[in-house]
Amino acid sequence: MTPSVNGRPFFCSWSGGKDSCLALYHALQQGGVPKPLFAMMAEGGQLSRSHGLPRSLLDEQSRQLRIPITFRSASWDEYEATFLEALHEFKADGVETGVFGDIDVDSNREWVERVCRQSGIAPFHPLWKRPRRALLEEFIDLGFKATIVAVNSAKLDTRFLGRTIERETVGDMEQAGIDPSGELGEYHTVVTPGPMFSSEIVLKIKGQKTHDGYSFLEMSG
């Protein structure tokens, strides 16, 4: 059973993309009390670990959401230890719940539950086992806008970079042979406006780059 978040302070594991954003939305709708967004960054602390988003863009999301953000930087080898250290600090500050945007990949949830158990944090998965397509449609219908900022080069063409998640894009991704939810890392997004944002964030795109099998939009601060 997913625990209730009503009235509880929580941190939100934050990628800046559509699933963490929708999870945050549901936690707020269910009466949770937002404390920090929590973003894991690559070594050097300037780009997010998976999505390649500049720290300045995540800071702007935090400002528009009116929720503070906490950053930690780590290599993949150090990722778990660094993540766990932050969770212990949240728990010491009175935050006992963590909100996560996982949908249905069991190994992802198992990892979350393991690190949360070690820190005494209760994990909250508001999207868990909901139909992938229904989540996409809900995200679109709520008025969120997510831009594709990274694609797995083996699974999706770079022509999808910069496109907005909308019904036409969903159909095109299905025609390309991938599940349009992107739950298996086929692509990553950044959310710029939506019902929780005070105003829309304008992306400053400089070009494209390739790294570790992914193509990314390169953005300035």
Protein backbone atom coordinates (compact mmCIF):
# COMPACT_ATOMS: atom_id res chain seq x y z
CA MET A 1 0.00 0.00 0.00
CA THR A 2 1.24 3.49 -0.86
CA PRO A 3 1.30 5.56 2.36
CA SER A 4 -0.66 8.78 2.67
CA VAL A 5 1.27 12.01 2.23
CA ASN A 6 -1.54 14.20 3.58
CA GLY A 7 -0.19 16.74 6.04
CA ARG A 8 3.33 15.30 5.88
CA PRO A 9 6.46 17.24 4.90
CA PHE A 10 8.14 15.60 1.94
CA PHE A 11 11.09 15.93 -0.39
CA CYS A 12 10.59 15.23 -4.09
CA SER A 13 13.24 13.36 -6.05
CA TRP A 14 13.56 15.86 -8.87
CA SER A 15 14.83 15.35 -12.42
CA GLY A 16 13.08 18.43 -13.81
CA GLY A 17 11.15 16.16 -16.18
CA LYS A 18 7.56 15.12 -16.69
CA ASP A 19 7.31 12.15 -14.29
CA SER A 20 8.87 13.82 -11.24
CA CYS A 21 6.71 16.88 -11.98
CA LEU A 22 3.49 14.86 -12.17
CA ALA A 23 4.43 13.00 -8.98
CA LEU A 24 4.96 16.36 -7.24
CA TYR A 25 1.58 17.57 -8.53
CA HIS A 26 -0.20 14.53 -7.05
CA ALA A 27 1.63 14.84 -3.73
CA LEU A 28 0.46 18.46 -3.46
CA GLN A 29 -3.08 17.54 -4.50
CA GLN A 30 -3.13 14.93 -1.74
CA GLY A 31 -2.19 17.47 0.91
CA GLY A 32 1.55 16.92 1.20
CA VAL A 33 3.74 19.74 2.53
CA PRO A 34 6.61 20.39 0.08
CA LYS A 35 10.07 20.82 1.51
CA PRO A 36 13.01 20.51 -0.86
CA LEU A 37 13.12 19.30 -4.39
CA PHE A 38 16.15 17.02 -4.52
CA ALA A 39 18.29 16.92 -7.67
CA MET A 40 21.29 14.69 -8.26
CA MET A 41 23.99 16.30 -10.38
CA ALA A 42 27.00 14.97 -12.28
CA GLU A 43 30.53 15.62 -11.06
CA GLY A 44 31.17 19.34 -10.93
CA GLY A 45 27.56 20.09 -10.01
CA GLN A 46 26.61 22.00 -13.16
CA LEU A 47 24.53 19.41 -15.08
CA SER A 48 21.88 17.02 -13.78
CA ARG A 49 22.91 13.38 -13.60
CA SER A 50 20.52 11.84 -16.17
CA HIS A 51 18.83 14.66 -18.06
CA GLY A 52 21.87 16.90 -18.59
CA LEU A 53 19.97 20.00 -17.41
CA PRO A 54 21.97 23.06 -16.28
CA ARG A 55 21.79 23.84 -12.60
CA SER A 56 20.50 27.33 -13.43
CA LEU A 57 17.45 25.80 -15.15
CA LEU A 58 16.65 23.61 -12.14
CA ASP A 59 17.06 26.69 -9.92
CA GLU A 60 14.55 28.51 -12.13
CA GLN A 61 12.06 25.64 -11.83
CA SER A 62 12.46 25.88 -8.06
CA ARG A 63 11.73 29.61 -8.14
CA GLN A 64 8.68 29.22 -10.37
CA LEU A 65 7.35 26.39 -8.19
CA ARG A 66 8.14 28.35 -5.01
CA ILE A 67 9.76 25.23 -3.52
CA PRO A 68 13.43 25.22 -2.46
CA ILE A 69 15.83 22.82 -4.15
CA THR A 70 18.74 20.81 -2.74
CA PHE A 71 21.60 19.64 -4.97
CA ARG A 72 24.10 16.83 -4.54
CA SER A 73 26.86 15.88 -7.01
CA ALA A 74 28.25 12.39 -7.56
CA SER A 75 29.69 9.98 -10.06
CA TRP A 76 27.61 6.91 -10.82
CA ASP A 77 29.85 4.91 -8.47
CA GLU A 78 29.20 7.38 -5.65
CA TYR A 79 25.54 7.98 -6.49
CA GLU A 80 23.89 5.74 -3.89
CA ALA A 81 26.09 6.80 -0.99
CA THR A 82 25.59 10.48 -1.81
CA PHE A 83 21.83 10.04 -2.23
CA LEU A 84 21.60 8.21 1.08
CA GLU A 85 23.62 10.88 2.88
CA ALA A 86 21.11 13.52 1.72
CA LEU A 87 18.18 11.39 2.89
CA HIS A 88 19.68 11.15 6.37
CA GLU A 89 19.95 14.96 6.40
CA PHE A 90 16.31 15.33 5.32
CA LYS A 91 15.22 12.95 8.07
CA ALA A 92 17.21 14.92 10.64
CA ASP A 93 15.37 18.06 9.47
CA GLY A 94 11.99 16.42 10.09
CA VAL A 95 11.22 15.29 6.52
CA GLU A 96 9.99 11.70 6.74
CA THR A 97 8.48 11.14 3.27
CA GLY A 98 10.06 11.06 -0.19
CA VAL A 99 8.05 11.49 -3.41
CA PHE A 100 9.21 9.57 -6.49
CA GLY A 101 7.98 9.51 -10.09
CA ASP A 102 8.58 5.83 -10.91
CA ILE A 103 5.79 4.18 -12.88
CA ASP A 104 6.29 0.44 -13.17
CA VAL A 105 9.93 -0.63 -13.37
CA ASP A 106 10.33 -2.91 -10.35
CA SER A 107 14.12 -2.52 -10.08
CA ASN A 108 13.77 1.27 -9.78
CA ARG A 109 11.23 0.98 -6.99
CA GLU A 110 13.25 -1.68 -5.20
CA TRP A 111 16.26 0.66 -5.16
CA VAL A 112 14.16 3.53 -3.83
CA GLU A 113 12.64 1.40 -1.09
CA ARG A 114 16.04 0.10 -0.05
CA VAL A 115 17.70 3.52 0.34
CA CYS A 116 14.60 4.96 1.99
CA ARG A 117 14.49 2.08 4.47
CA GLN A 118 18.12 2.72 5.39
CA SER A 119 17.36 6.37 6.15
CA GLY A 120 13.97 5.94 7.84
CA ILE A 121 12.16 7.73 5.01
CA ALA A 122 8.74 6.53 3.78
CA PRO A 123 8.68 6.40 -0.06
CA PHE A 124 5.56 7.71 -1.83
CA HIS A 125 4.93 6.65 -5.44
CA PRO A 126 1.76 8.41 -6.66
CA LEU A 127 2.18 7.22 -10.28
CA TRP A 128 2.94 3.59 -9.50
CA LYS A 129 1.21 1.00 -11.73
CA ARG A 130 -1.01 3.56 -13.39
CA PRO A 131 -1.30 2.96 -17.16
CA ARG A 132 1.57 4.69 -18.96
CA ARG A 133 -0.59 6.18 -21.70
CA ALA A 134 -3.12 7.49 -19.17
CA LEU A 135 -0.35 9.30 -17.30
CA LEU A 136 0.82 10.97 -20.51
CA GLU A 137 -2.71 12.09 -21.34
CA GLU A 138 -3.25 13.40 -17.82
CA PHE A 139 0.01 15.34 -17.96
CA ILE A 140 -1.00 16.95 -21.25
CA ASP A 141 -4.59 17.64 -20.17
CA LEU A 142 -3.46 19.34 -16.94
CA GLY A 143 -1.63 21.93 -19.04
CA PHE A 144 1.97 20.94 -18.36
CA LYS A 145 4.47 21.38 -21.17
CA ALA A 146 7.52 19.14 -21.38
CA THR A 147 10.27 19.54 -23.96
CA ILE A 148 12.37 16.55 -25.02
CA VAL A 149 15.97 17.39 -24.05
CA ALA A 150 17.67 13.98 -24.48
CA VAL A 151 17.11 10.89 -26.60
CA ASN A 152 18.67 7.45 -26.45
CA SER A 153 20.46 7.43 -29.78
CA ALA A 154 19.85 3.70 -30.27
CA LYS A 155 16.09 4.04 -29.79
CA LEU A 156 14.95 7.47 -30.98
CA ASP A 157 16.04 9.85 -33.72
CA THR A 158 17.49 13.24 -32.82
CA ARG A 159 14.63 14.89 -34.74
CA PHE A 160 12.63 14.44 -31.53
CA LEU A 161 14.96 16.75 -29.62
CA GLY A 162 13.18 20.00 -28.80
CA ARG A 163 9.69 18.62 -29.44
CA THR A 164 6.91 19.11 -26.91
CA ILE A 165 5.11 16.16 -25.34
CA GLU A 166 1.67 16.39 -26.94
CA ARG A 167 -0.62 13.89 -28.60
CA GLU A 168 0.99 14.22 -32.03
CA THR A 169 4.43 13.60 -30.53
CA VAL A 170 3.12 10.58 -28.62
CA GLY A 171 1.78 9.12 -31.85
CA ASP A 172 5.07 9.75 -33.65
CA MET A 173 7.03 8.02 -30.90
CA GLU A 174 4.73 5.00 -31.11
CA GLN A 175 5.33 4.90 -34.87
CA ALA A 176 9.07 5.04 -34.15
CA GLY A 177 8.65 1.83 -32.14
CA ILE A 178 9.12 3.02 -28.55
CA ASP A 179 6.80 3.28 -25.59
CA PRO A 180 6.05 7.02 -25.48
CA SER A 181 6.20 7.16 -21.69
CA GLY A 182 9.99 6.91 -21.88
CA GLU A 183 9.98 4.86 -18.66
CA LEU A 184 12.96 2.79 -19.86
CA GLY A 185 15.10 5.85 -20.60
CA GLU A 186 14.20 6.22 -24.28
CA TYR A 187 14.16 10.00 -23.79
CA HIS A 188 14.19 12.68 -21.08
CA THR A 189 12.28 15.95 -20.74
CA VAL A 190 12.22 19.25 -18.92
CA VAL A 191 8.97 20.87 -17.76
CA THR A 192 8.70 24.61 -18.36
CA PRO A 193 5.09 25.66 -17.63
CA GLY A 194 2.20 24.02 -15.86
CA PRO A 195 -0.47 24.51 -13.22
CA MET A 196 2.08 24.70 -10.39
CA PHE A 197 4.43 27.17 -12.12
CA SER A 198 4.07 30.91 -11.56
CA SER A 199 5.20 31.60 -15.15
CA GLU A 200 6.69 29.78 -18.14
CA ILE A 201 10.42 29.16 -18.30
CA VAL A 202 12.10 30.02 -21.60
CA LEU A 203 14.75 27.52 -22.71
CA LYS A 204 18.00 28.93 -24.10
CA ILE A 205 19.13 26.28 -26.57
CA LYS A 206 22.65 26.52 -27.97
CA GLY A 207 22.84 23.29 -29.96
CA GLN A 208 23.21 19.54 -29.51
CA LYS A 209 25.84 17.24 -28.02
CA THR A 210 26.31 13.48 -27.64
CA HIS A 211 27.41 11.65 -24.51
CA ASP A 212 27.16 8.05 -23.24
CA GLY A 213 24.83 6.94 -26.00
CA TYR A 214 22.45 9.90 -25.65
CA SER A 215 21.98 13.03 -27.70
CA PHE A 216 21.22 16.13 -25.62
CA LEU A 217 20.03 19.66 -26.24
CA GLU A 218 22.80 21.92 -25.02
CA MET A 219 21.38 24.83 -23.03
CA SER A 220 22.85 27.94 -21.47
CA GLY A 221 21.95 29.31 -18.08
